[in-house]
């Protein structure tokens, strides 16, 4: 069923998008890999896993998404087939956090550390909860950036616009030993997520001003 969703999206993407994907060679095979990406468009939740599946079609990939996405026709079906799981944003969903940590310890997992979609394209602050997940699970952390998907389905629109170019970059694994070694868990988590967001900013290459921290580790 993973391949059915992948095939359907491949047809859609070829009709509407041009892709520039770089850095997939930085992604190691196997589990315990955490992808952390900026988030500008509802389409990100389909584009990012699709890019990863182009190289790792047989590997377990988990993706967290806000509950509403799983109730959307087609999108919800694809996310479910792709082992997605819903997150209750802004409610301190401890069960989802534990579930994410469990998945991160054994699978490839995608999270959007801003916690919600950017309304203006700027990069928001990362949620320290994501830093805590990294501190506890100790995965290989791959920073990512995506731009251009917001031109396909802009905020407030439902119909796609053809002709957009979507650029996806996979960074090198992020060294976090020093940040993880900090004795204070809160300071450690904040230092981890700060380094992650700096890496994402570097991939975007925009020096964007950061918005206030989001309230959850899911996405909007």
N, C-alpha and C. Protein backbone atom coordinates (compact mmCIF):
# COMPACT_ATOMS: atom_id res chain seq x y z
N UNK A 1 0.82 -1.21 0.00
CA UNK A 1 0.00 0.00 0.00
C UNK A 1 0.85 1.27 0.00
N UNK A 2 2.07 1.16 0.55
CA UNK A 2 2.96 2.31 0.49
C UNK A 2 3.24 2.69 -0.96
N UNK A 3 3.46 1.67 -1.79
CA UNK A 3 3.79 1.94 -3.18
C UNK A 3 2.61 2.51 -3.94
N UNK A 4 1.37 2.15 -3.56
CA UNK A 4 0.20 2.72 -4.23
C UNK A 4 0.14 4.22 -4.00
N UNK A 5 0.29 4.64 -2.73
CA UNK A 5 0.31 6.06 -2.44
C UNK A 5 1.46 6.77 -3.13
N UNK A 6 2.63 6.13 -3.14
CA UNK A 6 3.80 6.70 -3.79
C UNK A 6 3.55 6.89 -5.28
N UNK A 7 2.95 5.89 -5.91
CA UNK A 7 2.70 5.94 -7.36
C UNK A 7 1.69 7.03 -7.71
N UNK A 8 0.63 7.13 -6.91
CA UNK A 8 -0.38 8.17 -7.16
C UNK A 8 0.23 9.57 -7.04
N UNK A 9 1.04 9.76 -6.02
CA UNK A 9 1.67 11.08 -5.83
C UNK A 9 2.70 11.37 -6.93
N UNK A 10 3.38 10.33 -7.40
CA UNK A 10 4.34 10.53 -8.48
C UNK A 10 3.65 11.08 -9.71
N UNK A 11 2.49 10.56 -10.04
CA UNK A 11 1.72 11.07 -11.18
C UNK A 11 1.33 12.53 -10.95
N UNK A 12 0.82 12.83 -9.75
CA UNK A 12 0.41 14.20 -9.42
C UNK A 12 1.59 15.15 -9.49
N UNK A 13 2.71 14.76 -8.89
CA UNK A 13 3.87 15.64 -8.85
C UNK A 13 4.42 15.91 -10.25
N UNK A 14 4.40 14.89 -11.10
CA UNK A 14 4.91 15.08 -12.46
C UNK A 14 4.03 16.05 -13.26
N UNK A 15 2.75 16.09 -12.92
CA UNK A 15 1.83 16.99 -13.61
C UNK A 15 2.00 18.44 -13.14
N UNK A 16 2.29 18.63 -11.86
CA UNK A 16 2.23 19.97 -11.28
C UNK A 16 3.57 20.55 -10.86
N UNK A 17 4.59 19.70 -10.63
CA UNK A 17 5.81 20.19 -9.99
C UNK A 17 7.06 19.87 -10.79
N UNK A 18 8.08 20.68 -10.54
CA UNK A 18 9.45 20.35 -10.92
C UNK A 18 10.25 20.27 -9.62
N UNK A 19 11.03 19.19 -9.47
CA UNK A 19 11.77 18.97 -8.23
C UNK A 19 13.25 19.26 -8.40
N UNK A 20 13.84 19.85 -7.35
CA UNK A 20 15.29 19.90 -7.19
C UNK A 20 15.59 19.31 -5.81
N UNK A 21 16.11 18.10 -5.79
CA UNK A 21 16.39 17.39 -4.54
C UNK A 21 17.89 17.22 -4.42
N UNK A 22 18.45 17.59 -3.27
CA UNK A 22 19.89 17.44 -3.06
C UNK A 22 20.16 16.93 -1.65
N UNK A 23 21.28 16.22 -1.51
CA UNK A 23 21.73 15.79 -0.19
C UNK A 23 21.21 14.45 0.27
N UNK A 24 20.48 13.71 -0.55
CA UNK A 24 19.99 12.41 -0.11
C UNK A 24 21.12 11.45 0.25
N UNK A 25 22.31 11.72 -0.30
CA UNK A 25 23.46 10.89 0.05
C UNK A 25 23.86 11.05 1.50
N UNK A 26 23.37 12.10 2.17
CA UNK A 26 23.68 12.31 3.59
C UNK A 26 22.85 11.43 4.52
N UNK A 27 21.84 10.79 3.98
CA UNK A 27 20.91 10.01 4.81
C UNK A 27 21.40 8.57 4.92
N UNK A 28 21.64 8.09 6.14
CA UNK A 28 22.12 6.71 6.30
C UNK A 28 20.97 5.72 6.15
N UNK A 29 21.29 4.48 5.75
CA UNK A 29 20.26 3.45 5.72
C UNK A 29 19.90 3.01 7.14
N UNK A 30 18.75 2.37 7.27
CA UNK A 30 18.35 1.84 8.57
C UNK A 30 17.58 2.84 9.39
N UNK A 31 17.25 2.43 10.61
CA UNK A 31 16.41 3.24 11.48
C UNK A 31 17.19 4.17 12.38
N UNK A 32 16.46 4.70 13.38
CA UNK A 32 17.02 5.67 14.33
C UNK A 32 17.53 6.92 13.62
N UNK A 33 16.73 7.40 12.66
CA UNK A 33 17.05 8.60 11.90
C UNK A 33 15.88 9.56 12.04
N UNK A 34 16.18 10.82 12.41
CA UNK A 34 15.15 11.82 12.59
C UNK A 34 15.37 12.97 11.60
N UNK A 35 14.39 13.19 10.73
CA UNK A 35 14.42 14.30 9.78
C UNK A 35 13.68 15.48 10.39
N UNK A 36 14.31 16.65 10.38
CA UNK A 36 13.70 17.86 10.94
C UNK A 36 13.70 18.94 9.88
N UNK A 37 12.50 19.41 9.53
CA UNK A 37 12.33 20.26 8.36
C UNK A 37 11.49 21.49 8.69
N UNK A 38 11.74 22.58 7.96
CA UNK A 38 10.85 23.74 8.05
C UNK A 38 9.50 23.39 7.42
N UNK A 39 8.50 24.26 7.63
CA UNK A 39 7.14 23.90 7.23
C UNK A 39 6.39 25.13 6.75
N UNK A 40 6.14 25.20 5.42
CA UNK A 40 5.46 26.35 4.83
C UNK A 40 4.12 26.01 4.19
N UNK A 41 3.93 24.74 3.82
CA UNK A 41 2.77 24.37 3.03
C UNK A 41 2.17 23.07 3.52
N UNK A 42 0.84 22.92 3.37
CA UNK A 42 0.20 21.65 3.69
C UNK A 42 0.76 20.53 2.82
N UNK A 43 1.28 20.87 1.66
CA UNK A 43 1.82 19.87 0.75
C UNK A 43 3.13 19.27 1.25
N UNK A 44 3.80 19.95 2.19
CA UNK A 44 5.06 19.43 2.74
C UNK A 44 4.89 18.02 3.28
N UNK A 45 3.72 17.73 3.87
CA UNK A 45 3.53 16.44 4.53
C UNK A 45 3.51 15.30 3.53
N UNK A 46 3.33 15.60 2.25
CA UNK A 46 3.39 14.59 1.21
C UNK A 46 4.71 14.63 0.45
N UNK A 47 5.23 15.83 0.21
CA UNK A 47 6.46 15.97 -0.57
C UNK A 47 7.66 15.39 0.17
N UNK A 48 7.80 15.70 1.46
CA UNK A 48 8.99 15.27 2.20
C UNK A 48 9.10 13.74 2.27
N UNK A 49 8.05 13.02 2.70
CA UNK A 49 8.18 11.56 2.71
C UNK A 49 8.34 10.97 1.31
N UNK A 50 7.70 11.58 0.32
CA UNK A 50 7.87 11.09 -1.05
C UNK A 50 9.33 11.14 -1.47
N UNK A 51 10.01 12.25 -1.15
CA UNK A 51 11.43 12.37 -1.50
C UNK A 51 12.26 11.28 -0.82
N UNK A 52 11.96 11.00 0.44
CA UNK A 52 12.71 9.98 1.17
C UNK A 52 12.45 8.59 0.59
N UNK A 53 11.19 8.33 0.23
CA UNK A 53 10.86 7.02 -0.34
C UNK A 53 11.50 6.79 -1.70
N UNK A 54 11.89 7.86 -2.41
CA UNK A 54 12.57 7.65 -3.68
C UNK A 54 13.90 6.91 -3.50
N UNK A 55 14.50 7.07 -2.32
CA UNK A 55 15.78 6.38 -2.05
C UNK A 55 15.61 5.17 -1.14
N UNK A 56 14.65 5.23 -0.23
CA UNK A 56 14.48 4.16 0.76
C UNK A 56 13.05 3.61 0.71
N UNK A 57 12.67 2.96 -0.41
CA UNK A 57 11.28 2.53 -0.57
C UNK A 57 10.85 1.43 0.38
N UNK A 58 11.78 0.68 0.91
CA UNK A 58 11.44 -0.47 1.75
C UNK A 58 11.58 -0.20 3.25
N UNK A 59 12.03 0.98 3.62
CA UNK A 59 12.31 1.22 5.03
C UNK A 59 11.10 1.81 5.76
N UNK A 60 11.05 1.56 7.06
CA UNK A 60 9.95 2.08 7.88
C UNK A 60 10.13 3.58 8.08
N UNK A 61 9.14 4.35 7.63
CA UNK A 61 9.16 5.80 7.74
C UNK A 61 7.90 6.23 8.48
N UNK A 62 8.08 7.02 9.52
CA UNK A 62 6.96 7.49 10.33
C UNK A 62 6.87 9.01 10.21
N UNK A 63 5.64 9.51 10.14
CA UNK A 63 5.47 10.95 10.07
C UNK A 63 4.31 11.40 10.93
N UNK A 64 4.59 12.43 11.75
CA UNK A 64 3.58 12.99 12.62
C UNK A 64 2.84 14.10 11.88
N UNK A 65 1.52 14.19 12.11
CA UNK A 65 0.74 15.25 11.48
C UNK A 65 -0.43 15.63 12.37
N UNK A 66 -0.91 16.84 12.20
CA UNK A 66 -2.05 17.26 13.00
C UNK A 66 -3.26 16.41 12.68
N UNK A 67 -4.14 16.26 13.64
CA UNK A 67 -5.29 15.36 13.52
C UNK A 67 -6.13 15.64 12.28
N UNK A 68 -6.32 16.93 11.96
CA UNK A 68 -7.19 17.30 10.85
C UNK A 68 -6.73 16.72 9.52
N UNK A 69 -5.42 16.56 9.34
CA UNK A 69 -4.90 16.03 8.08
C UNK A 69 -5.40 14.62 7.82
N UNK A 70 -5.58 13.85 8.88
CA UNK A 70 -5.98 12.45 8.72
C UNK A 70 -7.46 12.32 8.39
N UNK A 71 -8.21 13.43 8.49
CA UNK A 71 -9.63 13.41 8.11
C UNK A 71 -9.85 13.93 6.70
N UNK A 72 -8.78 14.37 6.03
CA UNK A 72 -8.91 14.91 4.68
C UNK A 72 -8.92 13.78 3.66
N UNK A 73 -9.82 13.84 2.66
CA UNK A 73 -9.82 12.82 1.60
C UNK A 73 -8.46 12.76 0.91
N UNK A 74 -8.06 11.61 0.53
CA UNK A 74 -6.81 11.33 -0.19
C UNK A 74 -5.60 11.57 0.71
N UNK A 75 -5.44 12.79 1.23
CA UNK A 75 -4.28 13.10 2.08
C UNK A 75 -4.26 12.20 3.30
N UNK A 76 -5.40 12.08 3.99
CA UNK A 76 -5.48 11.22 5.17
C UNK A 76 -5.21 9.77 4.84
N UNK A 77 -5.73 9.34 3.68
CA UNK A 77 -5.50 7.95 3.27
C UNK A 77 -4.03 7.69 3.01
N UNK A 78 -3.37 8.62 2.29
CA UNK A 78 -1.94 8.45 1.99
C UNK A 78 -1.12 8.45 3.28
N UNK A 79 -1.40 9.39 4.18
CA UNK A 79 -0.64 9.45 5.43
C UNK A 79 -0.80 8.18 6.25
N UNK A 80 -2.01 7.64 6.27
CA UNK A 80 -2.24 6.39 7.01
C UNK A 80 -1.46 5.24 6.37
N UNK A 81 -1.49 5.15 5.05
CA UNK A 81 -0.75 4.09 4.36
C UNK A 81 0.75 4.24 4.57
N UNK A 82 1.19 5.48 4.77
CA UNK A 82 2.62 5.74 4.96
C UNK A 82 3.01 5.75 6.44
N UNK A 83 2.21 5.10 7.27
CA UNK A 83 2.52 4.93 8.70
C UNK A 83 2.53 6.27 9.46
N UNK A 84 1.73 7.21 9.01
CA UNK A 84 1.61 8.46 9.74
C UNK A 84 0.78 8.27 11.00
N UNK A 85 0.93 9.19 11.94
CA UNK A 85 0.14 9.13 13.17
C UNK A 85 -0.23 10.56 13.59
N UNK A 86 -1.47 10.75 14.07
CA UNK A 86 -1.94 12.09 14.41
C UNK A 86 -1.37 12.60 15.72
N UNK A 87 -1.18 13.92 15.78
CA UNK A 87 -0.70 14.60 16.97
C UNK A 87 -1.70 15.68 17.34
N UNK A 88 -2.03 15.78 18.62
CA UNK A 88 -2.92 16.83 19.11
C UNK A 88 -2.08 18.06 19.43
N UNK A 89 -2.15 19.04 18.56
CA UNK A 89 -1.31 20.23 18.74
C UNK A 89 -1.77 21.06 19.92
N UNK A 90 -0.79 21.57 20.68
CA UNK A 90 -1.08 22.54 21.72
C UNK A 90 -1.78 21.98 22.94
N UNK A 91 -1.79 20.65 23.11
CA UNK A 91 -2.50 20.07 24.24
C UNK A 91 -1.59 19.27 25.17
N UNK A 92 -0.28 19.41 24.99
CA UNK A 92 0.62 18.64 25.83
C UNK A 92 0.38 17.15 25.69
N UNK A 93 0.33 16.68 24.44
CA UNK A 93 -0.04 15.29 24.16
C UNK A 93 1.14 14.37 24.50
N UNK A 94 1.22 13.97 25.76
CA UNK A 94 2.35 13.17 26.22
C UNK A 94 2.39 11.80 25.56
N UNK A 95 1.22 11.24 25.27
CA UNK A 95 1.20 9.92 24.63
C UNK A 95 1.82 9.99 23.23
N UNK A 96 1.57 11.10 22.51
CA UNK A 96 2.18 11.27 21.18
C UNK A 96 3.69 11.46 21.29
N UNK A 97 4.13 12.20 22.31
CA UNK A 97 5.57 12.40 22.50
C UNK A 97 6.27 11.07 22.78
N UNK A 98 5.66 10.26 23.63
CA UNK A 98 6.25 8.94 23.91
C UNK A 98 6.26 8.07 22.66
N UNK A 99 5.19 8.18 21.87
CA UNK A 99 5.12 7.40 20.63
C UNK A 99 6.21 7.82 19.66
N UNK A 100 6.43 9.13 19.56
CA UNK A 100 7.49 9.63 18.69
C UNK A 100 8.84 9.10 19.14
N UNK A 101 9.12 9.16 20.44
CA UNK A 101 10.40 8.66 20.95
C UNK A 101 10.57 7.18 20.63
N UNK A 102 9.49 6.43 20.78
CA UNK A 102 9.55 4.99 20.47
C UNK A 102 9.89 4.77 19.00
N UNK A 103 9.22 5.51 18.11
CA UNK A 103 9.50 5.36 16.68
C UNK A 103 10.91 5.80 16.33
N UNK A 104 11.36 6.91 16.93
CA UNK A 104 12.68 7.44 16.61
C UNK A 104 13.78 6.44 16.97
N UNK A 105 13.56 5.66 18.00
CA UNK A 105 14.57 4.69 18.43
C UNK A 105 14.75 3.54 17.44
N UNK A 106 13.77 3.34 16.53
CA UNK A 106 13.89 2.19 15.63
C UNK A 106 13.65 2.47 14.15
N UNK A 107 13.00 3.61 13.82
CA UNK A 107 12.61 3.87 12.44
C UNK A 107 13.18 5.19 11.94
N UNK A 108 12.84 5.54 10.72
CA UNK A 108 13.03 6.89 10.21
C UNK A 108 11.77 7.68 10.52
N UNK A 109 11.95 8.91 11.05
CA UNK A 109 10.81 9.72 11.49
C UNK A 109 10.97 11.13 10.95
N UNK A 110 9.84 11.74 10.52
CA UNK A 110 9.83 13.12 10.05
C UNK A 110 9.07 13.98 11.05
N UNK A 111 9.69 15.07 11.50
CA UNK A 111 9.03 16.06 12.35
C UNK A 111 9.27 17.46 11.79
N UNK A 112 8.36 18.36 12.14
CA UNK A 112 8.46 19.76 11.75
C UNK A 112 8.57 20.58 13.04
N UNK A 113 9.79 20.91 13.45
CA UNK A 113 10.02 21.42 14.81
C UNK A 113 9.42 22.79 15.11
N UNK A 114 9.00 23.54 14.10
CA UNK A 114 8.33 24.81 14.37
C UNK A 114 6.97 24.58 15.03
N UNK A 115 6.36 23.43 14.76
CA UNK A 115 5.09 23.09 15.39
C UNK A 115 3.87 23.52 14.61
N UNK A 116 4.05 24.33 13.57
CA UNK A 116 2.92 24.78 12.75
C UNK A 116 3.48 25.36 11.46
N UNK A 117 2.60 25.52 10.48
CA UNK A 117 3.03 26.12 9.22
C UNK A 117 3.34 27.60 9.37
N UNK A 118 4.37 28.04 8.67
CA UNK A 118 4.68 29.46 8.61
C UNK A 118 3.67 30.15 7.71
N UNK A 119 3.11 31.24 8.19
CA UNK A 119 2.14 32.00 7.40
C UNK A 119 2.81 32.99 6.45
N UNK A 120 4.06 33.34 6.74
CA UNK A 120 4.73 34.35 5.91
C UNK A 120 6.04 33.84 5.30
N UNK A 121 6.32 32.56 5.47
CA UNK A 121 7.53 31.98 4.90
C UNK A 121 8.75 32.06 5.79
N UNK A 122 8.68 32.83 6.89
CA UNK A 122 9.82 32.92 7.79
C UNK A 122 9.94 31.66 8.64
N UNK A 123 11.13 31.42 9.14
CA UNK A 123 11.37 30.24 9.96
C UNK A 123 11.12 30.56 11.42
N UNK A 124 10.25 29.80 12.06
CA UNK A 124 9.96 30.01 13.47
C UNK A 124 10.97 29.34 14.38
N UNK A 125 10.87 29.61 15.66
CA UNK A 125 11.72 28.93 16.64
C UNK A 125 11.30 27.47 16.76
N UNK A 126 12.25 26.63 17.06
CA UNK A 126 11.95 25.22 17.25
C UNK A 126 11.39 24.94 18.63
N UNK A 127 10.58 23.93 18.72
CA UNK A 127 9.97 23.55 19.99
C UNK A 127 10.97 22.74 20.82
N UNK A 128 11.25 23.12 22.07
CA UNK A 128 12.18 22.37 22.91
C UNK A 128 11.76 20.92 23.13
N UNK A 129 10.48 20.61 22.95
CA UNK A 129 10.05 19.21 23.07
C UNK A 129 10.79 18.33 22.07
N UNK A 130 11.04 18.87 20.88
CA UNK A 130 11.79 18.11 19.88
C UNK A 130 13.22 17.89 20.36
N UNK A 131 13.80 18.90 21.00
CA UNK A 131 15.13 18.73 21.58
C UNK A 131 15.14 17.64 22.64
N UNK A 132 14.07 17.58 23.45
CA UNK A 132 13.98 16.54 24.47
C UNK A 132 13.88 15.15 23.85
N UNK A 133 13.12 15.04 22.77
CA UNK A 133 13.01 13.76 22.07
C UNK A 133 14.38 13.30 21.58
N UNK A 134 15.14 14.24 21.02
CA UNK A 134 16.48 13.90 20.54
C UNK A 134 17.38 13.50 21.70
N UNK A 135 17.29 14.22 22.79
CA UNK A 135 18.13 13.92 23.97
C UNK A 135 17.83 12.53 24.51
N UNK A 136 16.56 12.15 24.50
CA UNK A 136 16.18 10.85 25.06
C UNK A 136 16.44 9.69 24.11
N UNK A 137 16.19 9.92 22.80
CA UNK A 137 16.25 8.81 21.84
C UNK A 137 17.60 8.68 21.14
N UNK A 138 18.38 9.76 21.09
CA UNK A 138 19.72 9.77 20.48
C UNK A 138 19.74 9.27 19.03
N UNK A 139 18.90 9.84 18.15
CA UNK A 139 18.92 9.41 16.75
C UNK A 139 20.00 10.12 15.96
N UNK A 140 20.22 9.68 14.73
CA UNK A 140 20.94 10.47 13.74
C UNK A 140 19.98 11.58 13.30
N UNK A 141 20.39 12.83 13.44
CA UNK A 141 19.53 13.96 13.12
C UNK A 141 19.92 14.54 11.76
N UNK A 142 18.96 14.54 10.84
CA UNK A 142 19.18 15.09 9.51
C UNK A 142 18.35 16.37 9.37
N UNK A 143 19.00 17.55 9.37
CA UNK A 143 18.24 18.78 9.12
C UNK A 143 17.84 18.84 7.65
N UNK A 144 16.69 19.44 7.39
CA UNK A 144 16.16 19.53 6.03
C UNK A 144 15.60 20.92 5.78
N UNK A 145 15.46 21.25 4.51
CA UNK A 145 14.71 22.46 4.14
C UNK A 145 13.86 22.16 2.92
N UNK A 146 12.72 22.82 2.85
CA UNK A 146 11.85 22.73 1.68
C UNK A 146 11.36 24.12 1.35
N UNK A 147 11.33 24.44 0.08
CA UNK A 147 10.76 25.72 -0.37
C UNK A 147 10.10 25.48 -1.72
N UNK A 148 9.02 26.22 -1.95
CA UNK A 148 8.33 26.13 -3.24
C UNK A 148 6.99 25.44 -3.18
N UNK A 149 6.79 24.53 -2.21
CA UNK A 149 5.51 23.83 -2.11
C UNK A 149 4.38 24.81 -1.80
N UNK A 150 4.73 25.90 -1.11
CA UNK A 150 3.70 26.90 -0.78
C UNK A 150 3.17 27.59 -2.02
N UNK A 151 3.89 27.51 -3.14
CA UNK A 151 3.41 28.10 -4.40
C UNK A 151 2.44 27.18 -5.12
N UNK A 152 2.43 25.90 -4.75
CA UNK A 152 1.54 24.94 -5.39
C UNK A 152 0.15 25.01 -4.77
N UNK A 153 0.10 24.96 -3.43
CA UNK A 153 -1.18 25.08 -2.71
C UNK A 153 -0.99 26.17 -1.66
N UNK A 154 -1.20 27.43 -2.01
CA UNK A 154 -1.03 28.52 -1.04
C UNK A 154 -2.00 28.39 0.13
N UNK A 155 -1.66 28.99 1.25
CA UNK A 155 -2.54 28.97 2.41
C UNK A 155 -3.89 29.57 2.04
N UNK A 156 -4.97 28.87 2.39
CA UNK A 156 -6.31 29.32 2.08
C UNK A 156 -6.85 28.80 0.76
N UNK A 157 -6.02 28.10 -0.02
CA UNK A 157 -6.44 27.55 -1.30
C UNK A 157 -6.52 26.03 -1.21
N UNK A 158 -7.34 25.44 -2.07
CA UNK A 158 -7.48 23.98 -2.09
C UNK A 158 -7.04 23.37 -3.42
N UNK A 159 -7.08 24.13 -4.50
CA UNK A 159 -6.72 23.60 -5.80
C UNK A 159 -5.26 23.92 -6.10
N UNK A 160 -4.49 22.94 -6.62
CA UNK A 160 -3.08 23.17 -6.92
C UNK A 160 -2.89 24.04 -8.15
N UNK A 161 -1.77 24.77 -8.17
CA UNK A 161 -1.38 25.57 -9.32
C UNK A 161 -0.15 24.91 -9.96
N UNK A 162 -0.21 24.58 -11.24
CA UNK A 162 0.91 23.89 -11.88
C UNK A 162 2.09 24.81 -12.13
N UNK A 163 3.25 24.20 -12.35
CA UNK A 163 4.42 24.94 -12.79
C UNK A 163 5.40 25.34 -11.72
N UNK A 164 5.14 25.00 -10.46
CA UNK A 164 6.04 25.41 -9.38
C UNK A 164 7.27 24.51 -9.33
N UNK A 165 8.37 25.09 -8.86
CA UNK A 165 9.58 24.33 -8.59
C UNK A 165 9.73 24.17 -7.09
N UNK A 166 9.87 22.93 -6.64
CA UNK A 166 10.02 22.63 -5.22
C UNK A 166 11.45 22.17 -4.98
N UNK A 167 12.12 22.84 -4.06
CA UNK A 167 13.51 22.53 -3.73
C UNK A 167 13.56 21.88 -2.34
N UNK A 168 14.14 20.70 -2.28
CA UNK A 168 14.28 19.97 -1.02
C UNK A 168 15.75 19.66 -0.81
N UNK A 169 16.26 20.04 0.39
CA UNK A 169 17.66 19.80 0.71
C UNK A 169 17.76 18.95 1.98
N UNK A 170 18.63 17.95 1.94
CA UNK A 170 18.94 17.13 3.10
C UNK A 170 20.35 17.47 3.57
N UNK A 171 20.47 17.95 4.79
CA UNK A 171 21.77 18.30 5.32
C UNK A 171 22.54 17.09 5.83
N UNK A 172 23.77 17.32 6.23
CA UNK A 172 24.58 16.27 6.82
C UNK A 172 24.11 15.98 8.25
N UNK A 173 24.35 14.76 8.75
CA UNK A 173 23.98 14.46 10.14
C UNK A 173 24.56 15.49 11.09
N UNK A 174 23.74 15.92 12.02
CA UNK A 174 24.11 17.02 12.90
C UNK A 174 24.82 16.50 14.15
N UNK A 175 26.06 16.95 14.43
CA UNK A 175 26.74 16.54 15.66
C UNK A 175 26.14 17.25 16.86
N UNK A 176 25.65 16.48 17.81
CA UNK A 176 24.95 17.05 18.97
C UNK A 176 25.48 16.53 20.30
N UNK A 177 26.65 15.91 20.28
CA UNK A 177 27.18 15.32 21.52
C UNK A 177 27.34 16.36 22.63
N UNK A 178 27.86 17.53 22.30
CA UNK A 178 28.09 18.55 23.33
C UNK A 178 26.78 19.03 23.94
N UNK A 179 25.77 19.21 23.09
CA UNK A 179 24.47 19.69 23.58
C UNK A 179 23.78 18.61 24.42
N UNK A 180 23.86 17.37 23.99
CA UNK A 180 23.25 16.27 24.73
C UNK A 180 23.92 16.09 26.09
N UNK A 181 25.22 16.38 26.15
CA UNK A 181 25.99 16.17 27.38
C UNK A 181 25.71 17.22 28.45
N UNK A 182 25.02 18.28 28.14
CA UNK A 182 24.72 19.29 29.16
C UNK A 182 23.90 18.66 30.28
N UNK A 183 24.28 18.91 31.54
CA UNK A 183 23.63 18.19 32.65
C UNK A 183 22.19 18.59 32.90
N UNK A 184 21.84 19.83 32.61
CA UNK A 184 20.47 20.28 32.84
C UNK A 184 19.60 19.90 31.65
N UNK A 185 18.57 19.07 31.84
CA UNK A 185 17.77 18.59 30.70
C UNK A 185 17.12 19.71 29.89
N UNK A 186 16.60 20.74 30.57
CA UNK A 186 15.95 21.83 29.85
C UNK A 186 16.96 22.61 29.01
N UNK A 187 18.12 22.92 29.60
CA UNK A 187 19.15 23.63 28.86
C UNK A 187 19.64 22.79 27.68
N UNK A 188 19.79 21.49 27.92
CA UNK A 188 20.24 20.59 26.87
C UNK A 188 19.24 20.57 25.72
N UNK A 189 17.96 20.43 26.04
CA UNK A 189 16.93 20.37 25.00
C UNK A 189 16.88 21.65 24.18
N UNK A 190 17.02 22.80 24.85
CA UNK A 190 16.99 24.08 24.14
C UNK A 190 18.24 24.26 23.28
N UNK A 191 19.38 23.81 23.78
CA UNK A 191 20.60 23.92 22.99
C UNK A 191 20.52 23.03 21.75
N UNK A 192 19.94 21.85 21.91
CA UNK A 192 19.79 20.93 20.78
C UNK A 192 18.92 21.54 19.70
N UNK A 193 17.75 22.04 20.10
CA UNK A 193 16.82 22.55 19.08
C UNK A 193 17.35 23.84 18.47
N UNK A 194 18.09 24.63 19.23
CA UNK A 194 18.69 25.84 18.66
C UNK A 194 19.68 25.49 17.55
N UNK A 195 20.46 24.44 17.77
CA UNK A 195 21.43 24.02 16.75
C UNK A 195 20.71 23.45 15.53
N UNK A 196 19.63 22.73 15.75
CA UNK A 196 18.83 22.20 14.64
C UNK A 196 18.28 23.34 13.78
N UNK A 197 17.70 24.36 14.43
CA UNK A 197 17.10 25.45 13.67
C UNK A 197 18.16 26.27 12.93
N UNK A 198 19.33 26.40 13.52
CA UNK A 198 20.42 27.08 12.84
C UNK A 198 20.83 26.32 11.57
N UNK A 199 20.83 24.99 11.67
CA UNK A 199 21.18 24.17 10.50
C UNK A 199 20.12 24.31 9.40
N UNK A 200 18.85 24.34 9.79
CA UNK A 200 17.78 24.51 8.80
C UNK A 200 17.87 25.88 8.15
N UNK A 201 18.17 26.91 8.95
CA UNK A 201 18.35 28.26 8.40
C UNK A 201 19.48 28.27 7.38
N UNK A 202 20.56 27.56 7.69
CA UNK A 202 21.66 27.48 6.75
C UNK A 202 21.28 26.82 5.44
N UNK A 203 20.44 25.79 5.50
CA UNK A 203 19.99 25.11 4.29
C UNK A 203 19.07 26.01 3.47
N UNK A 204 18.23 26.77 4.16
CA UNK A 204 17.36 27.70 3.45
C UNK A 204 18.17 28.84 2.82
N UNK A 205 19.27 29.21 3.52
CA UNK A 205 20.13 30.25 2.99
C UNK A 205 19.49 31.61 2.94
N UNK A 206 18.59 31.88 3.89
CA UNK A 206 17.85 33.12 3.83
C UNK A 206 18.07 34.02 5.03
N UNK A 207 18.69 33.53 6.10
CA UNK A 207 18.87 34.35 7.28
C UNK A 207 17.56 34.89 7.81
N UNK A 208 16.53 34.04 7.77
CA UNK A 208 15.19 34.51 8.12
C UNK A 208 15.08 34.82 9.61
N UNK A 209 14.30 35.84 9.95
CA UNK A 209 13.99 36.14 11.35
C UNK A 209 13.09 35.05 11.89
N UNK A 210 13.35 34.63 13.12
CA UNK A 210 12.56 33.57 13.70
C UNK A 210 11.36 34.14 14.44
N UNK A 211 10.24 33.42 14.33
CA UNK A 211 9.01 33.79 15.02
C UNK A 211 9.01 33.17 16.41
N UNK A 212 8.05 33.54 17.28
CA UNK A 212 7.98 32.94 18.61
C UNK A 212 7.81 31.44 18.54
N UNK A 213 8.25 30.76 19.59
CA UNK A 213 8.22 29.30 19.61
C UNK A 213 6.79 28.80 19.50
N UNK A 214 6.61 27.67 18.78
CA UNK A 214 5.31 27.04 18.66
C UNK A 214 5.02 26.20 19.90
N UNK A 215 3.78 25.76 20.01
CA UNK A 215 3.36 25.10 21.24
C UNK A 215 3.34 23.60 21.15
N UNK A 216 3.67 23.01 20.01
CA UNK A 216 3.64 21.55 19.90
C UNK A 216 4.57 21.12 18.80
N UNK A 217 4.87 19.82 18.76
CA UNK A 217 5.83 19.31 17.79
C UNK A 217 5.17 18.73 16.57
N UNK A 218 3.88 18.84 16.46
CA UNK A 218 3.20 18.42 15.24
C UNK A 218 3.33 19.50 14.19
N UNK A 219 2.32 19.64 13.30
CA UNK A 219 2.41 20.66 12.30
C UNK A 219 1.04 21.12 11.86
N UNK A 220 1.04 22.29 11.26
CA UNK A 220 -0.23 22.87 10.89
C UNK A 220 -0.53 22.76 9.43
